[in-house]
């Protein structure tokens, strides 16, 4: 019975990984690749990946100086994100590693957990960077604008 449980668990991991890989691949095809075609962030809006962030600050009656400072802040963040983006070779290596996990005869949960932990850490760092950017933009607001922002944020997140 224990052997069947192991096989069922392994099958579930393989199937979920295959579905996840297919979903990511389909999303890449839908949104375009990074080799000259439009990618996910370019499709989010005419302002790139910061479309939603800019939308958050819309309607706050920003001064020209605030607009300039925010534009510079977003531009610097975008440039930093471009520099930190995994290279084509790194992405290919990650895909090869996932294929190795699926097809190996000596499955190692520890190796899979390490690879997934590294991916999760990278995602977490991106989230921290985005919240840091949002905080920096928020700090450029006047107290009145900050109050209006907080009300709009609370209203938006009640949905």
N, C-alpha and C. Protein backbone atom coordinates (compact mmCIF):
# COMPACT_ATOMS: atom_id res chain seq x y z
N UNK A 1 0.83 -1.20 0.00
CA UNK A 1 0.00 0.00 0.00
C UNK A 1 0.86 1.25 0.00
N UNK A 2 1.98 1.20 0.74
CA UNK A 2 2.86 2.34 0.83
C UNK A 2 3.44 2.69 -0.55
N UNK A 3 3.73 1.67 -1.36
CA UNK A 3 4.27 1.88 -2.69
C UNK A 3 3.26 2.61 -3.57
N UNK A 4 1.99 2.26 -3.47
CA UNK A 4 0.94 2.92 -4.24
C UNK A 4 0.77 4.37 -3.81
N UNK A 5 0.89 4.64 -2.52
CA UNK A 5 0.78 6.01 -2.02
C UNK A 5 1.91 6.86 -2.58
N UNK A 6 3.11 6.30 -2.59
CA UNK A 6 4.26 7.02 -3.14
C UNK A 6 4.06 7.31 -4.62
N UNK A 7 3.59 6.31 -5.36
CA UNK A 7 3.35 6.49 -6.79
C UNK A 7 2.28 7.54 -7.03
N UNK A 8 1.23 7.50 -6.24
CA UNK A 8 0.14 8.47 -6.39
C UNK A 8 0.64 9.88 -6.09
N UNK A 9 1.45 10.00 -5.04
CA UNK A 9 2.02 11.31 -4.69
C UNK A 9 2.93 11.83 -5.78
N UNK A 10 3.78 10.94 -6.29
CA UNK A 10 4.69 11.32 -7.36
C UNK A 10 3.92 11.72 -8.61
N UNK A 11 2.88 10.96 -8.92
CA UNK A 11 2.05 11.29 -10.08
C UNK A 11 1.40 12.66 -9.90
N UNK A 12 0.94 12.95 -8.69
CA UNK A 12 0.31 14.25 -8.41
C UNK A 12 1.32 15.39 -8.60
N UNK A 13 2.56 15.20 -8.13
CA UNK A 13 3.60 16.22 -8.29
C UNK A 13 3.92 16.42 -9.76
N UNK A 14 4.09 15.33 -10.50
CA UNK A 14 4.40 15.41 -11.93
C UNK A 14 3.26 16.10 -12.67
N UNK A 15 2.04 15.71 -12.38
CA UNK A 15 0.89 16.29 -13.07
C UNK A 15 0.75 17.78 -12.76
N UNK A 16 0.91 18.14 -11.49
CA UNK A 16 0.77 19.56 -11.13
C UNK A 16 1.90 20.38 -11.73
N UNK A 17 3.11 19.83 -11.76
CA UNK A 17 4.23 20.53 -12.37
C UNK A 17 3.99 20.70 -13.86
N UNK A 18 3.49 19.66 -14.50
CA UNK A 18 3.21 19.74 -15.93
C UNK A 18 2.14 20.78 -16.20
N UNK A 19 1.10 20.82 -15.38
CA UNK A 19 0.04 21.81 -15.56
C UNK A 19 0.57 23.21 -15.31
N UNK A 20 1.37 23.37 -14.28
CA UNK A 20 1.96 24.67 -13.97
C UNK A 20 2.85 25.14 -15.11
N UNK A 21 3.68 24.23 -15.61
CA UNK A 21 4.58 24.56 -16.72
C UNK A 21 3.77 24.92 -17.96
N UNK A 22 2.71 24.17 -18.22
CA UNK A 22 1.86 24.46 -19.38
C UNK A 22 1.18 25.81 -19.22
N UNK A 23 0.74 26.11 -18.01
CA UNK A 23 0.09 27.40 -17.76
C UNK A 23 1.05 28.56 -17.94
N UNK A 24 2.27 28.40 -17.44
CA UNK A 24 3.28 29.44 -17.60
C UNK A 24 3.64 29.59 -19.06
N UNK A 25 3.77 28.48 -19.76
CA UNK A 25 4.09 28.51 -21.18
C UNK A 25 2.98 29.17 -21.97
N UNK A 26 1.75 28.85 -21.65
CA UNK A 26 0.62 29.46 -22.35
C UNK A 26 0.55 30.95 -22.07
N UNK A 27 0.85 31.33 -20.82
CA UNK A 27 0.86 32.76 -20.49
C UNK A 27 1.95 33.48 -21.26
N UNK A 28 3.13 32.84 -21.40
CA UNK A 28 4.22 33.44 -22.17
C UNK A 28 3.80 33.63 -23.62
N UNK A 29 3.13 32.62 -24.18
CA UNK A 29 2.69 32.72 -25.56
C UNK A 29 1.63 33.80 -25.70
N UNK A 30 0.73 33.90 -24.73
CA UNK A 30 -0.34 34.88 -24.79
C UNK A 30 0.20 36.29 -24.65
N UNK A 31 1.15 36.48 -23.75
CA UNK A 31 1.67 37.81 -23.48
C UNK A 31 2.89 38.15 -24.31
N UNK A 32 3.42 37.23 -25.04
CA UNK A 32 4.61 37.51 -25.84
C UNK A 32 5.86 37.18 -25.06
N UNK A 33 6.94 37.07 -25.76
CA UNK A 33 8.20 36.74 -25.09
C UNK A 33 9.02 38.01 -24.93
N UNK A 34 10.14 37.88 -24.26
CA UNK A 34 10.98 39.03 -23.99
C UNK A 34 11.98 39.29 -25.12
N UNK A 35 11.95 38.52 -26.17
CA UNK A 35 12.92 38.71 -27.24
C UNK A 35 12.37 39.62 -28.34
N UNK A 36 12.05 40.85 -27.96
CA UNK A 36 11.61 41.81 -28.95
C UNK A 36 10.10 41.97 -29.04
N UNK A 37 9.36 40.97 -28.63
CA UNK A 37 7.91 41.06 -28.67
C UNK A 37 7.44 41.65 -27.35
N UNK A 38 6.17 42.03 -27.33
CA UNK A 38 5.64 42.57 -26.09
C UNK A 38 5.57 41.50 -25.03
N UNK A 39 6.04 41.82 -23.84
CA UNK A 39 5.97 40.90 -22.71
C UNK A 39 4.82 41.27 -21.80
N UNK A 40 4.70 40.55 -20.71
CA UNK A 40 3.60 40.75 -19.77
C UNK A 40 3.54 42.18 -19.27
N UNK A 41 4.65 42.72 -18.82
CA UNK A 41 4.63 44.06 -18.24
C UNK A 41 4.32 45.13 -19.28
N UNK A 42 4.72 44.93 -20.53
CA UNK A 42 4.42 45.91 -21.54
C UNK A 42 2.93 45.89 -21.88
N UNK A 43 2.26 44.76 -21.67
CA UNK A 43 0.86 44.65 -22.04
C UNK A 43 -0.08 45.11 -20.93
N UNK A 44 0.44 45.35 -19.74
CA UNK A 44 -0.42 45.75 -18.64
C UNK A 44 -1.03 47.12 -18.88
N UNK A 45 -0.38 47.93 -19.64
CA UNK A 45 -0.89 49.27 -19.91
C UNK A 45 0.13 50.03 -20.72
N UNK A 46 -0.26 51.22 -21.15
CA UNK A 46 0.66 51.96 -21.99
C UNK A 46 1.89 52.42 -21.22
N UNK A 47 1.83 52.37 -19.91
CA UNK A 47 2.97 52.79 -19.10
C UNK A 47 3.81 51.62 -18.63
N UNK A 48 3.61 50.46 -19.18
CA UNK A 48 4.38 49.29 -18.79
C UNK A 48 3.86 48.69 -17.51
N UNK A 49 4.74 48.06 -16.73
CA UNK A 49 4.36 47.35 -15.53
C UNK A 49 3.86 48.24 -14.41
N UNK A 50 4.07 49.54 -14.52
CA UNK A 50 3.67 50.44 -13.44
C UNK A 50 2.30 51.06 -13.68
N UNK A 51 1.55 50.51 -14.65
CA UNK A 51 0.24 51.07 -14.96
C UNK A 51 -0.65 51.09 -13.72
N UNK A 52 -0.74 49.99 -13.00
CA UNK A 52 -1.59 49.93 -11.82
C UNK A 52 -1.08 50.86 -10.73
N UNK A 53 0.23 50.96 -10.61
CA UNK A 53 0.81 51.84 -9.61
C UNK A 53 0.49 53.30 -9.92
N UNK A 54 0.63 53.67 -11.17
CA UNK A 54 0.30 55.04 -11.56
C UNK A 54 -1.18 55.32 -11.35
N UNK A 55 -1.99 54.31 -11.61
CA UNK A 55 -3.44 54.44 -11.43
C UNK A 55 -3.77 54.74 -9.97
N UNK A 56 -2.99 54.17 -9.06
CA UNK A 56 -3.22 54.38 -7.63
C UNK A 56 -3.09 55.85 -7.26
N UNK A 57 -2.21 56.57 -7.97
CA UNK A 57 -1.94 57.96 -7.62
C UNK A 57 -2.72 58.94 -8.50
N UNK A 58 -3.51 58.42 -9.42
CA UNK A 58 -4.33 59.26 -10.28
C UNK A 58 -5.43 59.91 -9.44
N UNK A 59 -5.77 61.14 -9.77
CA UNK A 59 -6.86 61.82 -9.08
C UNK A 59 -6.45 62.47 -7.77
N UNK A 60 -5.16 62.51 -7.49
CA UNK A 60 -4.69 63.12 -6.24
C UNK A 60 -4.21 64.56 -6.46
N UNK A 61 -4.44 65.09 -7.65
CA UNK A 61 -4.04 66.46 -7.99
C UNK A 61 -2.57 66.71 -7.69
N UNK A 62 -1.72 65.87 -8.30
CA UNK A 62 -0.27 66.00 -8.10
C UNK A 62 0.24 67.28 -8.73
N UNK A 63 1.21 67.89 -8.08
CA UNK A 63 1.86 69.06 -8.66
C UNK A 63 2.79 68.60 -9.77
N UNK A 64 3.23 69.51 -10.58
CA UNK A 64 4.18 69.16 -11.64
C UNK A 64 5.45 68.57 -11.07
N UNK A 65 5.91 69.12 -9.94
CA UNK A 65 7.12 68.60 -9.30
C UNK A 65 6.90 67.17 -8.81
N UNK A 66 5.74 66.90 -8.21
CA UNK A 66 5.44 65.55 -7.75
C UNK A 66 5.38 64.58 -8.92
N UNK A 67 4.77 65.01 -10.02
CA UNK A 67 4.70 64.16 -11.21
C UNK A 67 6.09 63.85 -11.72
N UNK A 68 6.95 64.84 -11.76
CA UNK A 68 8.33 64.65 -12.23
C UNK A 68 9.08 63.69 -11.31
N UNK A 69 8.93 63.88 -10.00
CA UNK A 69 9.62 63.02 -9.04
C UNK A 69 9.12 61.58 -9.13
N UNK A 70 7.81 61.41 -9.28
CA UNK A 70 7.27 60.06 -9.39
C UNK A 70 7.72 59.40 -10.68
N UNK A 71 7.73 60.16 -11.76
CA UNK A 71 8.18 59.62 -13.04
C UNK A 71 9.62 59.14 -12.92
N UNK A 72 10.48 59.94 -12.26
CA UNK A 72 11.87 59.56 -12.07
C UNK A 72 11.97 58.31 -11.19
N UNK A 73 11.16 58.26 -10.15
CA UNK A 73 11.15 57.11 -9.24
C UNK A 73 10.74 55.84 -9.98
N UNK A 74 9.67 55.90 -10.77
CA UNK A 74 9.21 54.74 -11.52
C UNK A 74 10.23 54.32 -12.57
N UNK A 75 10.85 55.29 -13.21
CA UNK A 75 11.84 55.00 -14.24
C UNK A 75 13.06 54.29 -13.64
N UNK A 76 13.53 54.80 -12.50
CA UNK A 76 14.68 54.17 -11.83
C UNK A 76 14.34 52.74 -11.41
N UNK A 77 13.13 52.54 -10.90
CA UNK A 77 12.71 51.20 -10.49
C UNK A 77 12.64 50.27 -11.70
N UNK A 78 12.08 50.76 -12.80
CA UNK A 78 11.97 49.95 -14.02
C UNK A 78 13.36 49.55 -14.52
N UNK A 79 14.30 50.50 -14.50
CA UNK A 79 15.66 50.18 -14.94
C UNK A 79 16.31 49.15 -14.04
N UNK A 80 16.09 49.28 -12.74
CA UNK A 80 16.64 48.32 -11.78
C UNK A 80 16.05 46.93 -12.00
N UNK A 81 14.75 46.87 -12.26
CA UNK A 81 14.10 45.58 -12.50
C UNK A 81 14.64 44.93 -13.77
N UNK A 82 14.90 45.74 -14.80
CA UNK A 82 15.45 45.21 -16.04
C UNK A 82 16.82 44.59 -15.79
N UNK A 83 17.63 45.25 -14.96
CA UNK A 83 18.97 44.74 -14.66
C UNK A 83 18.92 43.45 -13.86
N UNK A 84 17.93 43.32 -13.01
CA UNK A 84 17.82 42.15 -12.13
C UNK A 84 17.04 40.99 -12.76
N UNK A 85 16.52 41.20 -13.95
CA UNK A 85 15.74 40.16 -14.63
C UNK A 85 16.66 38.99 -15.00
N UNK A 86 16.20 37.77 -14.77
CA UNK A 86 17.03 36.61 -15.14
C UNK A 86 17.30 36.61 -16.65
N UNK A 87 18.50 36.21 -17.01
CA UNK A 87 18.87 36.16 -18.42
C UNK A 87 18.16 35.01 -19.11
N UNK A 88 18.23 35.02 -20.42
CA UNK A 88 17.63 33.95 -21.22
C UNK A 88 18.25 32.60 -20.82
N UNK A 89 19.55 32.60 -20.60
CA UNK A 89 20.25 31.37 -20.22
C UNK A 89 19.79 30.88 -18.85
N UNK A 90 19.60 31.81 -17.91
CA UNK A 90 19.14 31.42 -16.57
C UNK A 90 17.73 30.84 -16.62
N UNK A 91 16.87 31.45 -17.43
CA UNK A 91 15.50 30.93 -17.56
C UNK A 91 15.52 29.55 -18.21
N UNK A 92 16.38 29.36 -19.20
CA UNK A 92 16.50 28.06 -19.86
C UNK A 92 17.01 27.02 -18.87
N UNK A 93 17.96 27.41 -18.03
CA UNK A 93 18.51 26.49 -17.02
C UNK A 93 17.42 26.09 -16.01
N UNK A 94 16.57 27.04 -15.63
CA UNK A 94 15.48 26.74 -14.70
C UNK A 94 14.49 25.76 -15.32
N UNK A 95 14.17 25.96 -16.59
CA UNK A 95 13.26 25.04 -17.27
C UNK A 95 13.88 23.65 -17.37
N UNK A 96 15.18 23.60 -17.68
CA UNK A 96 15.87 22.32 -17.77
C UNK A 96 15.87 21.62 -16.42
N UNK A 97 16.04 22.39 -15.36
CA UNK A 97 16.04 21.81 -14.02
C UNK A 97 14.67 21.23 -13.69
N UNK A 98 13.59 21.92 -14.06
CA UNK A 98 12.25 21.40 -13.81
C UNK A 98 12.02 20.10 -14.59
N UNK A 99 12.48 20.08 -15.83
CA UNK A 99 12.36 18.86 -16.63
C UNK A 99 13.14 17.72 -15.99
N UNK A 100 14.30 18.03 -15.46
CA UNK A 100 15.11 17.02 -14.77
C UNK A 100 14.37 16.47 -13.56
N UNK A 101 13.71 17.35 -12.79
CA UNK A 101 12.94 16.90 -11.63
C UNK A 101 11.83 15.95 -12.06
N UNK A 102 11.20 16.23 -13.17
CA UNK A 102 10.08 15.42 -13.64
C UNK A 102 10.55 14.08 -14.17
N UNK A 103 11.65 14.06 -14.88
CA UNK A 103 12.06 12.86 -15.60
C UNK A 103 13.09 12.00 -14.89
N UNK A 104 13.62 12.44 -13.78
CA UNK A 104 14.67 11.68 -13.10
C UNK A 104 14.13 10.40 -12.48
N UNK A 105 14.99 9.40 -12.39
CA UNK A 105 14.62 8.16 -11.72
C UNK A 105 14.92 8.24 -10.23
N UNK A 106 15.78 9.17 -9.83
CA UNK A 106 16.16 9.36 -8.43
C UNK A 106 15.61 10.69 -7.93
N UNK A 107 14.30 10.75 -7.73
CA UNK A 107 13.63 11.98 -7.32
C UNK A 107 14.12 12.42 -5.95
N UNK A 108 14.48 13.69 -5.84
CA UNK A 108 14.95 14.24 -4.57
C UNK A 108 14.04 15.38 -4.14
N UNK A 109 13.26 15.12 -3.11
CA UNK A 109 12.38 16.17 -2.59
C UNK A 109 13.18 17.36 -2.11
N UNK A 110 14.33 17.10 -1.50
CA UNK A 110 15.16 18.20 -0.99
C UNK A 110 15.61 19.12 -2.12
N UNK A 111 16.02 18.55 -3.25
CA UNK A 111 16.45 19.36 -4.39
C UNK A 111 15.29 20.19 -4.94
N UNK A 112 14.12 19.58 -5.01
CA UNK A 112 12.94 20.30 -5.50
C UNK A 112 12.59 21.42 -4.53
N UNK A 113 12.61 21.11 -3.25
CA UNK A 113 12.30 22.13 -2.24
C UNK A 113 13.28 23.29 -2.31
N UNK A 114 14.56 23.01 -2.53
CA UNK A 114 15.56 24.07 -2.65
C UNK A 114 15.28 24.95 -3.87
N UNK A 115 14.96 24.33 -4.98
CA UNK A 115 14.67 25.09 -6.21
C UNK A 115 13.43 25.95 -6.02
N UNK A 116 12.39 25.38 -5.42
CA UNK A 116 11.16 26.13 -5.19
C UNK A 116 11.37 27.25 -4.17
N UNK A 117 12.20 27.00 -3.17
CA UNK A 117 12.49 28.04 -2.17
C UNK A 117 13.22 29.21 -2.82
N UNK A 118 14.13 28.92 -3.74
CA UNK A 118 14.85 30.00 -4.44
C UNK A 118 13.88 30.83 -5.28
N UNK A 119 12.95 30.15 -5.95
CA UNK A 119 11.95 30.87 -6.75
C UNK A 119 11.07 31.74 -5.84
N UNK A 120 10.65 31.16 -4.73
CA UNK A 120 9.80 31.90 -3.79
C UNK A 120 10.54 33.10 -3.22
N UNK A 121 11.81 32.95 -2.93
CA UNK A 121 12.60 34.06 -2.40
C UNK A 121 12.69 35.19 -3.43
N UNK A 122 12.87 34.84 -4.69
CA UNK A 122 12.92 35.85 -5.75
C UNK A 122 11.59 36.58 -5.86
N UNK A 123 10.47 35.84 -5.80
CA UNK A 123 9.14 36.46 -5.85
C UNK A 123 8.93 37.39 -4.66
N UNK A 124 9.37 36.93 -3.50
CA UNK A 124 9.21 37.72 -2.29
C UNK A 124 10.02 39.01 -2.40
N UNK A 125 11.23 38.93 -2.94
CA UNK A 125 12.06 40.13 -3.09
C UNK A 125 11.41 41.12 -4.05
N UNK A 126 10.78 40.62 -5.13
CA UNK A 126 10.07 41.50 -6.06
C UNK A 126 8.93 42.21 -5.34
N UNK A 127 8.21 41.49 -4.50
CA UNK A 127 7.10 42.09 -3.75
C UNK A 127 7.60 43.15 -2.79
N UNK A 128 8.71 42.88 -2.11
CA UNK A 128 9.30 43.85 -1.20
C UNK A 128 9.72 45.10 -1.98
N UNK A 129 10.35 44.90 -3.13
CA UNK A 129 10.79 46.03 -3.96
C UNK A 129 9.60 46.87 -4.41
N UNK A 130 8.49 46.21 -4.78
CA UNK A 130 7.31 46.95 -5.24
C UNK A 130 6.70 47.74 -4.09
N UNK A 131 6.60 47.15 -2.91
CA UNK A 131 6.05 47.87 -1.77
C UNK A 131 6.96 49.03 -1.36
N UNK A 132 8.26 48.84 -1.49
CA UNK A 132 9.21 49.92 -1.20
C UNK A 132 9.00 51.07 -2.18
N UNK A 133 8.82 50.76 -3.46
CA UNK A 133 8.55 51.78 -4.46
C UNK A 133 7.26 52.52 -4.14
N UNK A 134 6.22 51.78 -3.79
CA UNK A 134 4.94 52.40 -3.45
C UNK A 134 5.08 53.32 -2.24
N UNK A 135 5.87 52.90 -1.26
CA UNK A 135 6.09 53.71 -0.08
C UNK A 135 6.83 55.00 -0.44
N UNK A 136 7.84 54.88 -1.31
CA UNK A 136 8.59 56.06 -1.73
C UNK A 136 7.68 57.03 -2.47
N UNK A 137 6.80 56.52 -3.32
CA UNK A 137 5.87 57.38 -4.04
C UNK A 137 4.88 58.02 -3.06
N UNK A 138 4.41 57.25 -2.10
CA UNK A 138 3.47 57.76 -1.10
C UNK A 138 4.10 58.90 -0.30
N UNK A 139 5.40 58.76 0.00
CA UNK A 139 6.07 59.78 0.79
C UNK A 139 6.19 61.12 0.05
N UNK A 140 6.03 61.11 -1.26
CA UNK A 140 6.08 62.34 -2.05
C UNK A 140 4.78 63.13 -1.95
N UNK A 141 3.73 62.52 -1.40
CA UNK A 141 2.43 63.17 -1.30
C UNK A 141 2.36 64.11 -0.10
N UNK A 142 1.50 65.10 -0.21
CA UNK A 142 1.22 65.98 0.92
C UNK A 142 0.31 65.22 1.90
N UNK A 143 0.19 65.69 3.14
CA UNK A 143 -0.70 65.01 4.10
C UNK A 143 -2.14 64.90 3.58
N UNK A 144 -2.64 65.90 2.88
CA UNK A 144 -3.99 65.86 2.34
C UNK A 144 -4.10 64.78 1.25
N UNK A 145 -3.10 64.73 0.40
CA UNK A 145 -3.09 63.72 -0.66
C UNK A 145 -2.97 62.32 -0.06
N UNK A 146 -2.18 62.19 1.01
CA UNK A 146 -2.02 60.89 1.66
C UNK A 146 -3.35 60.42 2.24
N UNK A 147 -4.10 61.33 2.83
CA UNK A 147 -5.41 60.98 3.40
C UNK A 147 -6.36 60.54 2.29
N UNK A 148 -6.37 61.29 1.19
CA UNK A 148 -7.24 60.94 0.06
C UNK A 148 -6.82 59.58 -0.51
N UNK A 149 -5.51 59.34 -0.60
CA UNK A 149 -4.99 58.07 -1.10
C UNK A 149 -5.48 56.92 -0.22
N UNK A 150 -5.36 57.09 1.10
CA UNK A 150 -5.76 56.04 2.03
C UNK A 150 -7.24 55.72 1.90
N UNK A 151 -8.08 56.73 1.74
CA UNK A 151 -9.51 56.50 1.59
C UNK A 151 -9.80 55.74 0.30
N UNK A 152 -9.15 56.13 -0.81
CA UNK A 152 -9.36 55.47 -2.08
C UNK A 152 -8.84 54.03 -2.03
N UNK A 153 -7.72 53.83 -1.36
CA UNK A 153 -7.14 52.50 -1.24
C UNK A 153 -8.10 51.59 -0.47
N UNK A 154 -8.61 52.08 0.65
CA UNK A 154 -9.54 51.27 1.46
C UNK A 154 -10.81 50.96 0.67
N UNK A 155 -11.32 51.94 -0.05
CA UNK A 155 -12.53 51.72 -0.86
C UNK A 155 -12.28 50.70 -1.95
N UNK A 156 -11.14 50.80 -2.61
CA UNK A 156 -10.79 49.88 -3.69
C UNK A 156 -10.61 48.46 -3.20
N UNK A 157 -10.03 48.29 -2.01
CA UNK A 157 -9.74 46.96 -1.50
C UNK A 157 -10.90 46.32 -0.74
N UNK A 158 -12.02 47.03 -0.65
CA UNK A 158 -13.22 46.42 -0.05
C UNK A 158 -13.94 45.54 -1.06
N UNK A 159 -13.69 45.79 -2.36
CA UNK A 159 -14.37 45.03 -3.41
C UNK A 159 -14.01 43.59 -3.38
